[in-house]
């Protein structure tokens, strides 16, 4: 009975195991909702890492400069709208202010996106951007748009290739100069010189002498930091002096600007008007939209926005702006003090030199201490492509200065040296003293006392 029962049970179990009604074994998997949730968690973790590694002090200083620029453009917008309106074009009083907000929003989005790049990705993106902008610069003399006697734009007056070349130029040169560590025989100085010379020639054809001076200055700063021989750098300095003399003798745009600066301004020169506007408000200014001298400025919202700030917010506000730029430069240099990667040092130094140098030139022009260059005040002046390009440059700067705070000061990175003692050679650190060494050569024993 039991055998029949066992046989029937075995026979009935066999087809059940092979039939399709048996549920398949459980295999762990992730549903579509789980994949979406995991992606959100990964994105939040990446943002958390970015926020932990970003230089928040530098980010705050940049945001403060851009906030000052928003207020300054709001003050200068009515004057520029009146100055630039004619029978064909009429600008509303806050036209430049509203457009500045739009460009700032777009620029900040790009800045935050670029700041999340790794160093390798930032290097590749900078090199590719520099190559593309170099090609665009070659097209400007052929199909560029002429505006106010200069041919600097493509696609109308909405795209200026030289502005986008500024942030990528430092990265490109840093990449070239850092190749010297891989192969000391590479002519990195000659390669960087050819690159800079080509950019300068293309800029002087527009003409844009101010930007050419800025590019050469950034190149010279990178040469100083790259560790090249002093004799070669001195030769470059002497060649630069001859270049300035040659530009004065054979380049009409530079000669006219230098002559106007050395000959002294008149009441109708734009630089003289800018200086009088800058000092018209005194220490505390006349107040927002209460200035009158700004109505005479040719480019109140761009080149001479510092004069508008001086008239309506006072010389104290101008001094604080200068301190903000100095704080940005000092913060980046302090961030690079413990950096060991040559490319990062050169690229970040070039980027901050470009921003600081452009601000320095603009401030000196407004003070009538430098020839007029047609150069905006970075992160403060109104601009379309210039604002976006500057934000991209700041994004590269933030990406290159990112640090893991837990690895900032590694106690095991370098041997600990006691104050007043000489560090042991690398080959003997950690080695024990042989037992057959005499006591006077092994040093004091464990029971010796340290003299106070």
Protein backbone atom coordinates (compact mmCIF):
# COMPACT_ATOMS: atom_id res chain seq x y z
CA UNK A 1 0.00 0.00 0.00
CA UNK A 2 2.76 2.28 0.98
CA UNK A 3 4.76 1.35 -2.13
CA UNK A 4 1.83 2.17 -4.40
CA UNK A 5 1.35 5.43 -2.65
CA UNK A 6 5.03 6.34 -2.88
CA UNK A 7 5.07 5.47 -6.59
CA UNK A 8 2.02 7.56 -7.33
CA UNK A 9 3.40 10.50 -5.40
CA UNK A 10 6.71 10.31 -7.23
CA UNK A 11 4.96 10.07 -10.56
CA UNK A 12 2.79 13.07 -9.82
CA UNK A 13 5.75 15.17 -8.61
CA UNK A 14 7.81 14.68 -11.76
CA UNK A 15 5.48 16.39 -14.23
CA UNK A 16 4.79 19.19 -11.75
CA UNK A 17 8.48 20.02 -11.70
CA UNK A 18 8.66 20.22 -15.48
CA UNK A 19 5.34 21.95 -16.07
CA UNK A 20 5.05 25.65 -16.79
CA UNK A 21 2.85 26.28 -13.78
CA UNK A 22 5.75 26.04 -11.33
CA UNK A 23 6.98 29.55 -10.38
CA UNK A 24 10.56 30.27 -11.54
CA UNK A 25 13.29 30.58 -8.93
CA UNK A 26 13.71 34.04 -7.38
CA UNK A 27 16.43 36.14 -9.02
CA UNK A 28 17.19 39.47 -7.34
CA UNK A 29 16.73 42.39 -9.70
CA UNK A 30 15.94 46.11 -9.83
CA UNK A 31 12.73 47.52 -11.15
CA UNK A 32 12.50 50.62 -13.30
CA UNK A 33 11.52 52.65 -10.27
CA UNK A 34 14.56 51.30 -8.43
CA UNK A 35 16.88 52.32 -11.27
CA UNK A 36 15.44 55.85 -11.23
CA UNK A 37 15.84 56.07 -7.46
CA UNK A 38 19.44 54.85 -7.69
CA UNK A 39 20.26 57.46 -10.34
CA UNK A 40 18.81 60.17 -8.12
CA UNK A 41 20.89 58.97 -5.19
CA UNK A 42 24.04 58.90 -7.32
CA UNK A 43 23.32 62.41 -8.58
CA UNK A 44 22.80 63.65 -5.03
CA UNK A 45 26.04 61.98 -3.92
CA UNK A 46 27.95 63.59 -6.81
CA UNK A 47 26.57 67.00 -5.85
CA UNK A 48 27.53 66.33 -2.23
CA UNK A 49 31.09 65.46 -3.30
CA UNK A 50 31.25 68.56 -5.48
CA UNK A 51 30.05 70.77 -2.64
CA UNK A 52 32.61 69.21 -0.30
CA UNK A 53 35.53 69.65 -2.70
CA UNK A 54 34.69 73.05 -4.19
CA UNK A 55 36.42 76.17 -2.90
CA UNK A 56 33.37 77.77 -1.31
CA UNK A 57 35.26 80.93 -0.37
CA UNK A 58 36.24 81.50 -4.00
CA UNK A 59 32.69 80.71 -5.11
CA UNK A 60 31.34 83.27 -2.63
CA UNK A 61 33.77 85.95 -3.88
CA UNK A 62 32.75 85.30 -7.49
CA UNK A 63 29.05 85.46 -6.57
CA UNK A 64 29.66 88.73 -4.73
CA UNK A 65 31.36 90.26 -7.78
CA UNK A 66 28.49 89.19 -10.02
CA UNK A 67 25.96 90.65 -7.57
CA UNK A 68 27.86 93.94 -7.65
CA UNK A 69 27.78 93.76 -11.43
CA UNK A 70 24.01 93.29 -11.44
CA UNK A 71 23.55 96.44 -9.35
CA UNK A 72 26.07 98.39 -11.42
CA UNK A 73 24.43 97.48 -14.73
CA UNK A 74 21.06 98.51 -13.27
CA UNK A 75 22.60 101.91 -12.48
CA UNK A 76 24.22 102.31 -15.92
CA UNK A 77 21.41 100.89 -18.08
CA UNK A 78 19.30 104.10 -18.37
CA UNK A 79 22.31 106.20 -19.37
CA UNK A 80 23.43 103.72 -22.03
CA UNK A 81 19.86 103.35 -23.34
CA UNK A 82 19.61 107.12 -23.87
CA UNK A 83 23.10 107.34 -25.36
CA UNK A 84 22.65 104.49 -27.85
CA UNK A 85 19.06 105.18 -28.93
CA UNK A 86 18.54 106.82 -32.30
CA UNK A 87 15.89 107.07 -35.02
CA UNK A 88 16.29 103.42 -35.98
CA UNK A 89 16.85 101.83 -32.58
CA UNK A 90 15.11 102.68 -29.35
CA UNK A 91 16.17 101.05 -26.08
CA UNK A 92 14.06 100.93 -22.97
CA UNK A 93 15.74 102.34 -19.85
CA UNK A 94 16.27 98.88 -18.29
CA UNK A 95 17.00 97.06 -21.55
CA UNK A 96 20.63 96.30 -20.72
CA UNK A 97 19.77 95.32 -17.16
CA UNK A 98 17.20 92.70 -18.17
CA UNK A 99 19.49 91.27 -20.84
CA UNK A 100 22.37 91.21 -18.38
CA UNK A 101 20.27 89.12 -16.00
CA UNK A 102 19.53 86.69 -18.81
CA UNK A 103 23.21 86.32 -19.76
CA UNK A 104 24.19 85.99 -16.11
CA UNK A 105 21.70 83.19 -15.56
CA UNK A 106 23.03 81.32 -18.59
CA UNK A 107 26.63 81.97 -17.57
CA UNK A 108 26.14 80.79 -13.99
CA UNK A 109 24.56 77.55 -15.25
CA UNK A 110 27.60 76.93 -17.47
CA UNK A 111 29.98 77.87 -14.67
CA UNK A 112 28.47 75.35 -12.27
CA UNK A 113 28.43 72.66 -14.96
CA UNK A 114 32.08 73.23 -15.90
CA UNK A 115 33.14 73.31 -12.23
CA UNK A 116 32.02 69.68 -11.87
CA UNK A 117 34.58 68.48 -14.42
CA UNK A 118 37.58 66.46 -13.40
CA UNK A 119 41.03 67.87 -14.10
CA UNK A 120 41.58 65.60 -17.08
CA UNK A 121 38.21 66.49 -18.55
CA UNK A 122 38.81 70.21 -17.94
CA UNK A 123 42.16 69.94 -19.71
CA UNK A 124 40.64 68.21 -22.74
CA UNK A 125 37.73 70.64 -22.89
CA UNK A 126 40.06 73.64 -22.64
CA UNK A 127 42.36 72.39 -25.38
CA UNK A 128 39.44 71.64 -27.72
CA UNK A 129 37.84 75.03 -27.00
CA UNK A 130 41.14 76.81 -27.69
CA UNK A 131 41.54 75.00 -31.02
CA UNK A 132 37.97 75.84 -32.06
CA UNK A 133 38.32 79.52 -31.08
CA UNK A 134 41.63 79.77 -32.92
CA UNK A 135 39.88 78.63 -36.10
CA UNK A 136 37.08 81.12 -35.42
CA UNK A 137 39.64 83.92 -35.01
CA UNK A 138 41.02 83.06 -38.44
CA UNK A 139 37.54 83.48 -39.89
CA UNK A 140 36.94 86.91 -38.32
CA UNK A 141 39.01 88.93 -40.87
CA UNK A 142 37.18 87.12 -43.69
CA UNK A 143 33.52 86.97 -42.64
CA UNK A 144 33.52 89.03 -39.43
CA UNK A 145 31.12 91.85 -38.61
CA UNK A 146 32.44 95.43 -38.53
CA UNK A 147 31.24 97.51 -35.57
CA UNK A 148 32.64 100.89 -34.47
CA UNK A 149 35.63 100.51 -36.75
CA UNK A 150 36.63 97.05 -35.50
CA UNK A 151 35.95 93.62 -36.95
CA UNK A 152 35.82 91.30 -33.95
CA UNK A 153 32.51 89.46 -34.16
CA UNK A 154 30.90 86.55 -35.96
CA UNK A 155 27.15 85.95 -36.43
CA UNK A 156 26.40 89.65 -36.24
CA UNK A 157 27.65 91.14 -32.97
CA UNK A 158 26.57 88.28 -30.73
CA UNK A 159 29.70 86.10 -30.80
CA UNK A 160 33.25 87.33 -30.16
CA UNK A 161 35.77 84.46 -30.50
CA UNK A 162 38.54 86.26 -28.63
CA UNK A 163 36.43 86.32 -25.45
CA UNK A 164 36.00 82.54 -25.50
CA UNK A 165 39.69 82.10 -26.28
CA UNK A 166 40.67 83.82 -23.01
CA UNK A 167 39.62 81.02 -20.62
CA UNK A 168 40.94 78.26 -22.88
CA UNK A 169 44.21 80.01 -23.76
CA UNK A 170 45.68 79.49 -20.29
CA UNK A 171 44.70 75.81 -20.27
CA UNK A 172 46.19 75.25 -23.72
CA UNK A 173 49.49 76.92 -22.80
CA UNK A 174 49.60 75.09 -19.46
CA UNK A 175 49.17 71.79 -21.28
CA UNK A 176 52.01 72.61 -23.69
CA UNK A 177 54.41 73.79 -20.97
CA UNK A 178 53.64 70.82 -18.71
CA UNK A 179 54.74 68.42 -21.47
CA UNK A 180 58.29 69.35 -20.52
CA UNK A 181 58.02 67.01 -17.53
CA UNK A 182 57.41 64.04 -19.81
CA UNK A 183 60.09 64.88 -22.35
CA UNK A 184 62.69 67.51 -21.50
CA UNK A 185 63.75 67.75 -25.15
CA UNK A 186 60.41 69.11 -26.33
CA UNK A 187 60.65 72.78 -27.46
CA UNK A 188 57.74 73.85 -25.25
CA UNK A 189 58.85 77.47 -25.14
CA UNK A 190 58.98 77.69 -28.93
CA UNK A 191 55.59 75.98 -29.21
CA UNK A 192 53.95 78.36 -26.74
CA UNK A 193 55.61 81.34 -28.44
CA UNK A 194 54.25 80.34 -31.84
CA UNK A 195 50.78 79.87 -30.37
CA UNK A 196 50.84 83.26 -28.63
CA UNK A 197 52.29 85.00 -31.68
CA UNK A 198 49.54 83.63 -33.91
CA UNK A 199 46.87 84.84 -31.50
CA UNK A 200 48.46 88.30 -31.26
CA UNK A 201 48.65 88.67 -35.05
CA UNK A 202 45.00 87.68 -35.46
CA UNK A 203 43.93 90.12 -32.74
CA UNK A 204 45.89 93.02 -34.19
CA UNK A 205 44.19 92.47 -37.54
CA UNK A 206 40.78 93.24 -35.98
CA UNK A 207 42.25 95.54 -34.42
CA UNK A 208 42.19 94.62 -30.71
CA UNK A 209 45.45 95.80 -29.20
CA UNK A 210 44.18 95.60 -25.61
CA UNK A 211 43.36 91.90 -25.81
CA UNK A 212 46.71 91.24 -27.51
CA UNK A 213 48.51 92.85 -24.55
CA UNK A 214 46.47 90.73 -22.13
CA UNK A 215 47.27 87.46 -23.95
CA UNK A 216 50.98 88.28 -24.02
CA UNK A 217 50.91 89.11 -20.30
CA UNK A 218 49.28 85.78 -19.43
CA UNK A 219 51.83 83.94 -21.58
CA UNK A 220 54.68 85.70 -19.80
CA UNK A 221 53.25 84.81 -16.37
CA UNK A 222 53.07 81.14 -17.36
CA UNK A 223 56.67 81.22 -18.59
CA UNK A 224 57.77 82.59 -15.21
CA UNK A 225 55.98 79.79 -13.37
CA UNK A 226 56.98 76.94 -15.68
CA UNK A 227 60.57 76.71 -14.45
CA UNK A 228 62.24 77.65 -17.72
CA UNK A 229 65.78 79.09 -17.62
CA UNK A 230 66.00 82.71 -16.47
CA UNK A 231 68.12 83.69 -19.47
CA UNK A 232 65.40 82.64 -21.88
CA UNK A 233 62.75 84.50 -19.92
CA UNK A 234 64.96 87.61 -19.86
CA UNK A 235 65.31 87.35 -23.63
CA UNK A 236 61.52 87.17 -23.89
CA UNK A 237 61.24 90.33 -21.77
CA UNK A 238 63.66 92.21 -24.00
CA UNK A 239 61.82 90.99 -27.10
CA UNK A 240 58.57 92.24 -25.55
CA UNK A 241 60.01 95.74 -25.16
CA UNK A 242 61.08 95.74 -28.79
CA UNK A 243 57.59 94.52 -29.67
CA UNK A 244 55.97 97.50 -27.93
CA UNK A 245 58.29 99.88 -29.78
CA UNK A 246 57.53 98.18 -33.09
CA UNK A 247 53.79 98.35 -32.38
CA UNK A 248 54.07 102.08 -31.76
CA UNK A 249 56.07 102.65 -34.95
CA UNK A 250 54.17 100.41 -37.36
CA UNK A 251 50.73 99.77 -35.82
CA UNK A 252 48.42 102.75 -36.12
CA UNK A 253 45.86 101.64 -33.51
CA UNK A 254 48.49 101.32 -30.79
CA UNK A 255 50.20 104.57 -31.79
CA UNK A 256 46.95 106.54 -31.64
CA UNK A 257 46.06 105.22 -28.19
CA UNK A 258 49.52 105.81 -26.77
CA UNK A 259 49.71 109.33 -28.25
CA UNK A 260 46.28 110.19 -26.83
CA UNK A 261 47.39 108.96 -23.41
CA UNK A 262 50.80 110.67 -23.37
CA UNK A 263 49.50 113.90 -24.90
CA UNK A 264 46.96 114.44 -22.13
CA UNK A 265 43.19 114.36 -22.47
CA UNK A 266 40.80 117.14 -23.26
CA UNK A 267 37.34 117.78 -21.94
CA UNK A 268 35.88 115.71 -24.79
CA UNK A 269 38.06 112.60 -24.48
CA UNK A 270 36.19 109.57 -23.18
CA UNK A 271 38.95 108.71 -20.70
CA UNK A 272 38.86 112.22 -19.26
CA UNK A 273 35.07 112.06 -19.00
CA UNK A 274 35.37 108.72 -17.24
CA UNK A 275 37.78 110.11 -14.65
CA UNK A 276 35.55 113.10 -13.90
CA UNK A 277 32.53 110.79 -13.61
CA UNK A 278 34.42 108.48 -11.26
CA UNK A 279 35.23 111.30 -8.83
CA UNK A 280 31.95 113.21 -9.18
CA UNK A 281 30.22 111.27 -6.41
CA UNK A 282 32.86 111.77 -3.76
CA UNK A 283 33.44 109.12 -1.12
CA UNK A 284 29.83 107.99 -0.70
CA UNK A 285 28.25 108.69 -4.11
CA UNK A 286 25.10 110.45 -5.22
CA UNK A 287 22.82 107.44 -4.89
CA UNK A 288 21.26 104.95 -7.30
CA UNK A 289 20.07 106.59 -10.58
CA UNK A 290 20.95 110.07 -9.29
CA UNK A 291 24.19 110.52 -11.20
CA UNK A 292 24.32 112.94 -14.14
CA UNK A 293 27.91 112.72 -15.39
CA UNK A 294 27.33 109.13 -16.55
CA UNK A 295 25.05 110.46 -19.31
CA UNK A 296 28.17 111.69 -21.12
CA UNK A 297 29.97 108.35 -21.06
CA UNK A 298 30.12 106.52 -24.42
CA UNK A 299 29.99 102.98 -22.93
CA UNK A 300 28.62 103.43 -19.42
CA UNK A 301 27.46 99.81 -19.06
CA UNK A 302 30.63 98.13 -20.36
CA UNK A 303 34.07 99.78 -20.49
CA UNK A 304 33.37 102.60 -18.03
CA UNK A 305 31.05 100.94 -15.57
CA UNK A 306 33.53 101.58 -12.75
CA UNK A 307 33.03 105.32 -13.30
CA UNK A 308 29.28 104.85 -12.89
CA UNK A 309 29.90 102.96 -9.65
CA UNK A 310 32.15 105.76 -8.44
CA UNK A 311 29.59 108.46 -9.17
CA UNK A 312 26.52 106.75 -7.70
CA UNK A 313 28.04 104.58 -4.94
CA UNK A 314 31.23 106.47 -4.12
CA UNK A 315 34.96 105.90 -4.14
CA UNK A 316 34.64 103.63 -1.10
CA UNK A 317 32.61 101.18 -3.20
CA UNK A 318 35.31 101.28 -5.90
CA UNK A 319 37.97 100.50 -3.30
CA UNK A 320 35.94 97.54 -2.05
CA UNK A 321 35.69 96.22 -5.62
CA UNK A 322 39.48 96.42 -5.96
CA UNK A 323 39.80 94.47 -2.69
CA UNK A 324 37.40 91.82 -4.03
CA UNK A 325 39.59 91.24 -7.09
CA UNK A 326 42.69 91.06 -4.89
CA UNK A 327 40.92 88.57 -2.65
CA UNK A 328 40.10 86.35 -5.64
CA UNK A 329 43.73 86.35 -6.79
CA UNK A 330 45.05 85.74 -3.27
CA UNK A 331 42.57 82.93 -2.65
CA UNK A 332 43.58 81.06 -5.81
CA UNK A 333 47.30 81.47 -5.08
CA UNK A 334 46.77 80.23 -1.53
CA UNK A 335 44.84 77.25 -2.90
CA UNK A 336 47.77 76.42 -5.21
CA UNK A 337 50.41 76.74 -2.48
CA UNK A 338 50.38 72.98 -1.76
CA UNK A 339 49.66 71.86 -5.33
CA UNK A 340 52.21 69.51 -6.94
CA UNK A 341 50.76 69.07 -10.44
CA UNK A 342 52.47 71.49 -12.83
CA UNK A 343 49.56 71.65 -15.26
CA UNK A 344 47.12 72.61 -12.50
CA UNK A 345 49.46 75.30 -11.18
CA UNK A 346 49.99 76.83 -14.62
CA UNK A 347 46.37 76.62 -15.78
CA UNK A 348 44.85 78.05 -12.59
CA UNK A 349 47.51 80.77 -12.36
CA UNK A 350 46.91 81.74 -15.97
CA UNK A 351 43.15 81.91 -15.48
CA UNK A 352 43.37 84.10 -12.39
CA UNK A 353 46.06 86.25 -14.05
CA UNK A 354 43.72 86.81 -16.98
CA UNK A 355 40.83 87.87 -14.73
CA UNK A 356 43.00 90.00 -12.46
CA UNK A 357 44.94 91.52 -15.35
CA UNK A 358 41.79 92.50 -17.22
CA UNK A 359 40.35 94.09 -14.08
CA UNK A 360 43.63 95.91 -13.44
CA UNK A 361 43.73 97.37 -16.96
CA UNK A 362 40.08 98.46 -16.85
CA UNK A 363 40.54 100.18 -13.48
CA UNK A 364 43.64 102.02 -14.66
CA UNK A 365 41.84 103.19 -17.81
CA UNK A 366 39.00 104.62 -15.72
CA UNK A 367 41.59 106.41 -13.57
CA UNK A 368 43.25 107.83 -16.71
CA UNK A 369 46.47 106.00 -15.83
CA UNK A 370 46.51 103.70 -18.88
CA UNK A 371 45.61 104.10 -22.56
CA UNK A 372 42.04 103.19 -23.45
CA UNK A 373 41.81 99.50 -24.36
CA UNK A 374 38.10 98.83 -24.91
CA UNK A 375 38.24 96.17 -22.19
CA UNK A 376 35.37 95.37 -19.83
CA UNK A 377 35.51 94.95 -16.04
CA UNK A 378 35.27 91.14 -15.59
CA UNK A 379 32.14 89.75 -13.91
CA UNK A 380 30.75 93.28 -13.42
CA UNK A 381 30.36 94.90 -16.85
CA UNK A 382 27.45 94.13 -19.13
CA UNK A 383 28.18 91.61 -21.82
CA UNK A 384 26.73 88.78 -23.83
CA UNK A 385 29.51 86.51 -25.03
CA UNK A 386 32.00 88.14 -22.64
CA UNK A 387 29.87 87.32 -19.58
CA UNK A 388 29.37 83.72 -20.71
CA UNK A 389 33.08 83.32 -21.53
CA UNK A 390 34.13 84.70 -18.15
CA UNK A 391 31.75 82.30 -16.39
CA UNK A 392 33.29 79.40 -18.33
CA UNK A 393 36.73 80.56 -17.23
CA UNK A 394 35.61 80.75 -13.60
CA UNK A 395 34.13 77.26 -13.98
CA UNK A 396 37.51 75.96 -15.16
CA UNK A 397 39.15 77.73 -12.22
CA UNK A 398 36.76 76.15 -9.73
CA UNK A 399 37.27 72.72 -11.29
CA UNK A 400 41.06 72.97 -11.13
CA UNK A 401 41.10 74.17 -7.51
CA UNK A 402 38.79 71.45 -6.17
CA UNK A 403 40.32 69.55 -3.25
CA UNK A 404 39.33 66.64 -1.07
CA UNK A 405 39.30 68.20 2.41
CA UNK A 406 40.23 64.89 4.04
CA UNK A 407 43.43 64.69 1.98
CA UNK A 408 44.40 68.34 2.28
CA UNK A 409 47.00 67.74 5.00
CA UNK A 410 48.16 64.13 4.94
CA UNK A 411 50.60 63.53 7.84
CA UNK A 412 52.14 60.63 5.92
CA UNK A 413 52.84 62.65 2.76
CA UNK A 414 56.19 63.87 4.10
CA UNK A 415 58.40 62.61 6.91
CA UNK A 416 57.84 64.32 10.21
CA UNK A 417 60.83 66.48 11.10
CA UNK A 418 61.46 67.46 14.71
CA UNK A 419 62.08 71.15 15.22
CA UNK A 420 65.79 71.84 15.29
CA UNK A 421 66.78 68.42 13.88
CA UNK A 422 67.91 67.44 10.43
CA UNK A 423 65.76 64.93 8.54
CA UNK A 424 67.39 61.59 7.84
CA UNK A 425 68.18 60.63 4.24
CA UNK A 426 65.46 58.77 2.38
CA UNK A 427 67.63 55.66 2.11
CA UNK A 428 68.15 55.42 5.90
CA UNK A 429 64.72 56.43 7.20
CA UNK A 430 63.18 53.62 9.16
CA UNK A 431 66.42 51.61 9.33
CA UNK A 432 67.73 50.32 12.65
CA UNK A 433 71.17 51.09 14.02
CA UNK A 434 73.59 48.13 13.72
CA UNK A 435 74.54 46.58 17.02
CA UNK A 436 78.25 46.56 16.21
CA UNK A 437 78.37 50.36 15.83
CA UNK A 438 80.20 52.10 18.67
CA UNK A 439 78.09 53.93 21.22
CA UNK A 440 79.55 57.35 20.38
CA UNK A 441 78.60 56.89 16.69
CA UNK A 442 75.16 55.45 17.40
CA UNK A 443 74.19 58.46 19.46
CA UNK A 444 72.86 58.67 23.00
CA UNK A 445 71.30 55.63 24.54
CA UNK A 446 67.72 55.27 25.65
CA UNK A 447 68.65 56.41 29.15
CA UNK A 448 70.28 59.64 27.97
CA UNK A 449 68.59 62.91 28.91
CA UNK A 450 67.90 65.75 26.49
CA UNK A 451 69.65 68.92 27.49
CA UNK A 452 67.30 71.82 27.90
